[in-house]
């Protein structure tokens, strides 16, 4: 009987450890350059106490990706904003957006396809 109780307690603990409330406060997401251009990418974690830069002008080659860790909100989702610009100073292009409701392992595509202001 004692072995069964220990097994049940261990099983309940394992189930609870898999829920967002108990899994920790971090998520891992992938930032993917969906263009052929080399981009300089900055990413801000909007769930941090104050928005925190998790990438700062990171060089991301065409069709490459970078993995970053971000904070999760109370529901276990991430929220980031990003800016990107091409590395070519002669024909500079820019892009920016944000992505909310991110889950662990999600990918965010970045691009620079508009004129820079």
N, C-alpha and C. Protein backbone atom coordinates (compact mmCIF):
# COMPACT_ATOMS: atom_id res chain seq x y z
N UNK A 1 0.82 -1.19 0.00
CA UNK A 1 0.00 0.00 0.00
C UNK A 1 0.87 1.26 0.00
N UNK A 2 1.95 1.27 0.78
CA UNK A 2 2.85 2.42 0.82
C UNK A 2 3.49 2.65 -0.54
N UNK A 3 3.86 1.58 -1.24
CA UNK A 3 4.45 1.72 -2.57
C UNK A 3 3.45 2.32 -3.56
N UNK A 4 2.18 1.93 -3.46
CA UNK A 4 1.14 2.48 -4.33
C UNK A 4 0.95 3.97 -4.07
N UNK A 5 0.93 4.39 -2.79
CA UNK A 5 0.80 5.80 -2.46
C UNK A 5 1.97 6.62 -3.00
N UNK A 6 3.17 6.09 -2.88
CA UNK A 6 4.34 6.80 -3.41
C UNK A 6 4.25 6.92 -4.92
N UNK A 7 3.79 5.85 -5.57
CA UNK A 7 3.65 5.88 -7.02
C UNK A 7 2.63 6.94 -7.43
N UNK A 8 1.48 7.01 -6.74
CA UNK A 8 0.45 7.98 -7.07
C UNK A 8 0.94 9.41 -6.85
N UNK A 9 1.66 9.64 -5.75
CA UNK A 9 2.21 10.97 -5.49
C UNK A 9 3.21 11.34 -6.57
N UNK A 10 4.06 10.42 -6.97
CA UNK A 10 5.04 10.69 -8.02
C UNK A 10 4.34 10.97 -9.35
N UNK A 11 3.28 10.22 -9.66
CA UNK A 11 2.54 10.43 -10.91
C UNK A 11 1.88 11.80 -10.93
N UNK A 12 1.26 12.20 -9.83
CA UNK A 12 0.62 13.52 -9.76
C UNK A 12 1.67 14.62 -9.91
N UNK A 13 2.80 14.48 -9.24
CA UNK A 13 3.85 15.48 -9.35
C UNK A 13 4.34 15.61 -10.80
N UNK A 14 4.52 14.50 -11.50
CA UNK A 14 4.98 14.54 -12.89
C UNK A 14 3.96 15.22 -13.78
N UNK A 15 2.67 14.99 -13.55
CA UNK A 15 1.64 15.66 -14.35
C UNK A 15 1.64 17.15 -14.10
N UNK A 16 1.79 17.56 -12.85
CA UNK A 16 1.79 18.98 -12.52
C UNK A 16 3.04 19.68 -13.04
N UNK A 17 4.15 18.98 -13.06
CA UNK A 17 5.40 19.58 -13.53
C UNK A 17 5.34 19.89 -15.02
N UNK A 18 4.45 19.27 -15.76
CA UNK A 18 4.32 19.52 -17.19
C UNK A 18 3.42 20.68 -17.52
N UNK A 19 2.72 21.25 -16.56
CA UNK A 19 1.84 22.38 -16.84
C UNK A 19 2.62 23.68 -16.81
N UNK A 20 2.17 24.69 -17.55
CA UNK A 20 2.93 25.95 -17.58
C UNK A 20 3.14 26.59 -16.22
N UNK A 21 2.21 26.44 -15.31
CA UNK A 21 2.35 27.08 -14.01
C UNK A 21 3.51 26.50 -13.20
N UNK A 22 3.86 25.27 -13.50
CA UNK A 22 4.92 24.63 -12.74
C UNK A 22 6.17 24.36 -13.57
N UNK A 23 6.11 24.63 -14.88
CA UNK A 23 7.21 24.26 -15.76
C UNK A 23 8.35 25.28 -15.76
N UNK A 24 8.23 26.36 -15.06
CA UNK A 24 9.25 27.39 -15.09
C UNK A 24 8.73 28.56 -15.89
N UNK A 25 9.49 29.64 -15.89
CA UNK A 25 8.98 30.86 -16.51
C UNK A 25 9.58 31.12 -17.88
N UNK A 26 10.33 30.21 -18.44
CA UNK A 26 10.98 30.47 -19.71
C UNK A 26 10.50 29.64 -20.86
N UNK A 27 10.58 30.23 -22.06
CA UNK A 27 10.26 29.55 -23.30
C UNK A 27 11.46 29.67 -24.22
N UNK A 28 11.62 28.73 -25.11
CA UNK A 28 12.64 28.80 -26.14
C UNK A 28 11.93 28.92 -27.47
N UNK A 29 12.24 29.98 -28.22
CA UNK A 29 11.66 30.18 -29.54
C UNK A 29 12.78 30.35 -30.56
N UNK A 30 12.43 30.20 -31.82
CA UNK A 30 13.39 30.35 -32.91
C UNK A 30 13.04 31.59 -33.72
N UNK A 31 14.02 32.42 -33.97
CA UNK A 31 13.88 33.59 -34.83
C UNK A 31 14.44 33.18 -36.19
N UNK A 32 13.58 33.17 -37.22
CA UNK A 32 13.97 32.68 -38.54
C UNK A 32 13.97 33.80 -39.58
N UNK A 33 15.07 33.95 -40.28
CA UNK A 33 15.17 34.89 -41.39
C UNK A 33 14.53 34.21 -42.60
N UNK A 34 13.36 34.70 -43.02
CA UNK A 34 12.66 34.05 -44.13
C UNK A 34 13.00 34.66 -45.49
N UNK A 35 14.14 35.35 -45.57
CA UNK A 35 14.58 35.94 -46.83
C UNK A 35 15.96 35.40 -47.20
N UNK A 36 16.43 35.80 -48.38
CA UNK A 36 17.78 35.43 -48.81
C UNK A 36 18.83 36.43 -48.35
N UNK A 37 18.37 37.59 -47.83
CA UNK A 37 19.28 38.65 -47.41
C UNK A 37 19.84 38.38 -46.02
N UNK A 38 21.05 38.87 -45.78
CA UNK A 38 21.60 38.85 -44.43
C UNK A 38 20.97 40.01 -43.67
N UNK A 39 20.43 39.71 -42.50
CA UNK A 39 19.72 40.72 -41.71
C UNK A 39 20.42 40.97 -40.38
N UNK A 40 20.26 42.19 -39.88
CA UNK A 40 20.66 42.54 -38.52
C UNK A 40 19.36 42.59 -37.73
N UNK A 41 19.21 41.69 -36.76
CA UNK A 41 17.94 41.49 -36.07
C UNK A 41 18.07 41.82 -34.59
N UNK A 42 17.09 42.59 -34.09
CA UNK A 42 16.96 42.83 -32.65
C UNK A 42 15.60 42.31 -32.21
N UNK A 43 15.57 41.66 -31.05
CA UNK A 43 14.34 41.09 -30.52
C UNK A 43 14.18 41.53 -29.08
N UNK A 44 12.95 41.94 -28.73
CA UNK A 44 12.62 42.38 -27.38
C UNK A 44 11.60 41.42 -26.77
N UNK A 45 11.86 40.98 -25.56
CA UNK A 45 10.92 40.16 -24.80
C UNK A 45 9.94 41.10 -24.10
N UNK A 46 8.69 41.11 -24.55
CA UNK A 46 7.70 42.03 -24.00
C UNK A 46 7.05 41.51 -22.72
N UNK A 47 7.32 40.26 -22.34
CA UNK A 47 6.79 39.71 -21.09
C UNK A 47 7.72 39.97 -19.91
N UNK A 48 8.93 40.40 -20.17
CA UNK A 48 9.85 40.70 -19.07
C UNK A 48 9.28 41.88 -18.27
N UNK A 49 9.74 42.03 -17.05
CA UNK A 49 9.24 43.10 -16.17
C UNK A 49 9.24 44.44 -16.89
N UNK A 50 10.33 44.78 -17.53
CA UNK A 50 10.34 45.88 -18.50
C UNK A 50 10.87 45.24 -19.79
N UNK A 51 10.36 45.64 -20.96
CA UNK A 51 10.82 44.97 -22.19
C UNK A 51 12.33 44.83 -22.22
N UNK A 52 12.78 43.61 -22.46
CA UNK A 52 14.20 43.29 -22.40
C UNK A 52 14.69 42.84 -23.77
N UNK A 53 15.81 43.39 -24.20
CA UNK A 53 16.40 43.01 -25.48
C UNK A 53 17.07 41.65 -25.32
N UNK A 54 16.64 40.67 -26.13
CA UNK A 54 17.24 39.34 -26.08
C UNK A 54 18.16 39.09 -27.27
N UNK A 55 18.04 39.89 -28.32
CA UNK A 55 18.98 39.91 -29.44
C UNK A 55 19.25 41.36 -29.78
N UNK A 56 20.51 41.69 -30.04
CA UNK A 56 20.86 43.06 -30.37
C UNK A 56 21.68 43.10 -31.65
N UNK A 57 21.04 43.49 -32.75
CA UNK A 57 21.71 43.55 -34.06
C UNK A 57 22.46 42.26 -34.39
N UNK A 58 21.83 41.15 -34.09
CA UNK A 58 22.40 39.83 -34.38
C UNK A 58 22.39 39.61 -35.89
N UNK A 59 23.52 39.20 -36.44
CA UNK A 59 23.61 38.90 -37.87
C UNK A 59 22.97 37.53 -38.09
N UNK A 60 21.91 37.53 -38.92
CA UNK A 60 21.23 36.28 -39.26
C UNK A 60 21.26 36.16 -40.78
N UNK A 61 22.02 35.20 -41.26
CA UNK A 61 22.16 35.00 -42.70
C UNK A 61 20.83 34.59 -43.32
N UNK A 62 20.77 34.70 -44.64
CA UNK A 62 19.55 34.34 -45.35
C UNK A 62 19.12 32.91 -45.06
N UNK A 63 17.85 32.74 -44.76
CA UNK A 63 17.22 31.45 -44.47
C UNK A 63 17.85 30.72 -43.28
N UNK A 64 18.48 31.46 -42.39
CA UNK A 64 19.06 30.88 -41.17
C UNK A 64 18.17 31.24 -39.99
N UNK A 65 18.51 30.71 -38.82
CA UNK A 65 17.71 30.99 -37.63
C UNK A 65 18.59 31.05 -36.40
N UNK A 66 18.02 31.66 -35.35
CA UNK A 66 18.69 31.82 -34.06
C UNK A 66 17.67 31.45 -32.99
N UNK A 67 18.11 30.75 -31.95
CA UNK A 67 17.22 30.37 -30.85
C UNK A 67 17.45 31.32 -29.68
N UNK A 68 16.34 31.76 -29.07
CA UNK A 68 16.42 32.66 -27.91
C UNK A 68 15.50 32.17 -26.81
N UNK A 69 15.81 32.56 -25.59
CA UNK A 69 14.97 32.25 -24.43
C UNK A 69 14.22 33.51 -24.04
N UNK A 70 12.91 33.36 -23.79
CA UNK A 70 12.07 34.49 -23.40
C UNK A 70 11.22 34.10 -22.20
N UNK A 71 10.62 35.09 -21.57
CA UNK A 71 9.75 34.86 -20.41
C UNK A 71 8.35 34.49 -20.88
N UNK A 72 7.66 33.74 -20.05
CA UNK A 72 6.26 33.38 -20.32
C UNK A 72 5.35 34.23 -19.44
N UNK A 73 4.14 34.49 -19.95
CA UNK A 73 3.15 35.21 -19.14
C UNK A 73 2.43 34.23 -18.22
N UNK A 74 1.38 34.67 -17.55
CA UNK A 74 0.65 33.82 -16.60
C UNK A 74 0.02 32.61 -17.27
N UNK A 75 -0.27 32.70 -18.56
CA UNK A 75 -0.86 31.57 -19.28
C UNK A 75 0.21 30.70 -19.94
N UNK A 76 1.47 31.06 -19.78
CA UNK A 76 2.56 30.26 -20.34
C UNK A 76 2.93 30.63 -21.77
N UNK A 77 2.50 31.80 -22.24
CA UNK A 77 2.77 32.24 -23.60
C UNK A 77 3.83 33.34 -23.62
N UNK A 78 4.56 33.43 -24.73
CA UNK A 78 5.55 34.46 -24.91
C UNK A 78 5.04 35.57 -25.81
N UNK A 79 5.72 36.72 -25.76
CA UNK A 79 5.36 37.88 -26.59
C UNK A 79 6.65 38.64 -26.88
N UNK A 80 6.97 38.77 -28.17
CA UNK A 80 8.18 39.48 -28.57
C UNK A 80 7.85 40.51 -29.65
N UNK A 81 8.70 41.52 -29.74
CA UNK A 81 8.69 42.41 -30.89
C UNK A 81 10.07 42.31 -31.52
N UNK A 82 10.15 42.58 -32.81
CA UNK A 82 11.42 42.47 -33.50
C UNK A 82 11.59 43.59 -34.52
N UNK A 83 12.83 43.91 -34.80
CA UNK A 83 13.19 44.80 -35.89
C UNK A 83 14.29 44.12 -36.69
N UNK A 84 14.29 44.37 -37.98
CA UNK A 84 15.31 43.79 -38.85
C UNK A 84 15.67 44.81 -39.92
N UNK A 85 16.92 44.79 -40.32
CA UNK A 85 17.35 45.61 -41.45
C UNK A 85 18.42 44.85 -42.21
N UNK A 86 18.46 45.10 -43.50
CA UNK A 86 19.44 44.42 -44.32
C UNK A 86 20.83 44.95 -43.97
N UNK A 87 21.82 44.13 -44.17
CA UNK A 87 23.19 44.53 -43.85
C UNK A 87 23.80 45.36 -44.96
N UNK A 88 23.19 45.39 -46.13
CA UNK A 88 23.68 46.18 -47.26
C UNK A 88 23.32 47.64 -47.05
N UNK A 89 24.30 48.49 -46.81
CA UNK A 89 24.02 49.90 -46.52
C UNK A 89 23.61 50.68 -47.77
N UNK A 90 23.91 50.20 -48.96
CA UNK A 90 23.54 50.90 -50.19
C UNK A 90 22.07 50.76 -50.53
N UNK A 91 21.50 49.62 -50.24
CA UNK A 91 20.09 49.37 -50.56
C UNK A 91 19.38 48.88 -49.30
N UNK A 92 19.41 49.71 -48.26
CA UNK A 92 18.89 49.33 -46.95
C UNK A 92 17.38 49.15 -46.98
N UNK A 93 16.92 48.05 -46.42
CA UNK A 93 15.49 47.76 -46.24
C UNK A 93 15.30 47.41 -44.77
N UNK A 94 14.07 47.63 -44.26
CA UNK A 94 13.78 47.39 -42.85
C UNK A 94 12.49 46.61 -42.69
N UNK A 95 12.31 46.09 -41.50
CA UNK A 95 11.07 45.41 -41.14
C UNK A 95 10.90 45.41 -39.65
N UNK A 96 9.65 45.31 -39.20
CA UNK A 96 9.37 45.23 -37.77
C UNK A 96 7.99 44.64 -37.59
N UNK A 97 7.81 43.97 -36.46
CA UNK A 97 6.50 43.38 -36.13
C UNK A 97 6.58 42.86 -34.70
N UNK A 98 5.49 42.28 -34.24
CA UNK A 98 5.52 41.59 -32.96
C UNK A 98 4.75 40.29 -33.10
N UNK A 99 5.00 39.39 -32.18
CA UNK A 99 4.35 38.08 -32.18
C UNK A 99 3.95 37.77 -30.74
N UNK A 100 2.67 37.47 -30.56
CA UNK A 100 2.13 37.16 -29.23
C UNK A 100 1.64 35.72 -29.19
N UNK A 101 1.28 35.28 -28.00
CA UNK A 101 0.75 33.92 -27.78
C UNK A 101 1.70 32.84 -28.28
N UNK A 102 3.00 33.07 -28.07
CA UNK A 102 4.00 32.10 -28.48
C UNK A 102 4.10 30.96 -27.48
N UNK A 103 4.30 29.77 -27.99
CA UNK A 103 4.50 28.58 -27.17
C UNK A 103 5.95 28.15 -27.28
N UNK A 104 6.38 27.33 -26.33
CA UNK A 104 7.73 26.80 -26.35
C UNK A 104 7.97 26.07 -27.67
N UNK A 105 9.06 26.41 -28.35
CA UNK A 105 9.40 25.76 -29.61
C UNK A 105 8.86 26.46 -30.86
N UNK A 106 8.05 27.50 -30.69
CA UNK A 106 7.51 28.22 -31.85
C UNK A 106 8.62 28.95 -32.60
N UNK A 107 8.31 29.30 -33.84
CA UNK A 107 9.23 30.04 -34.68
C UNK A 107 8.59 31.36 -35.08
N UNK A 108 9.39 32.42 -35.09
CA UNK A 108 8.96 33.75 -35.51
C UNK A 108 9.77 34.12 -36.74
N UNK A 109 9.10 34.39 -37.86
CA UNK A 109 9.78 34.76 -39.10
C UNK A 109 10.02 36.27 -39.13
N UNK A 110 11.23 36.65 -39.49
CA UNK A 110 11.59 38.07 -39.61
C UNK A 110 12.02 38.34 -41.04
N UNK A 111 11.85 39.59 -41.47
CA UNK A 111 12.19 39.98 -42.82
C UNK A 111 12.38 41.49 -42.86
N UNK A 112 12.99 41.98 -43.92
CA UNK A 112 13.20 43.41 -44.12
C UNK A 112 12.81 43.71 -45.56
N UNK A 113 11.56 44.11 -45.77
CA UNK A 113 11.06 44.30 -47.12
C UNK A 113 10.36 45.64 -47.35
N UNK A 114 10.59 46.60 -46.46
CA UNK A 114 10.04 47.95 -46.64
C UNK A 114 11.16 48.98 -46.51
N UNK A 115 10.91 50.17 -47.04
CA UNK A 115 11.89 51.25 -46.91
C UNK A 115 12.06 51.62 -45.43
N UNK A 116 13.28 51.98 -45.07
CA UNK A 116 13.56 52.40 -43.70
C UNK A 116 13.13 53.84 -43.52
N UNK A 117 12.55 54.15 -42.38
CA UNK A 117 12.11 55.53 -42.08
C UNK A 117 13.11 56.22 -41.21
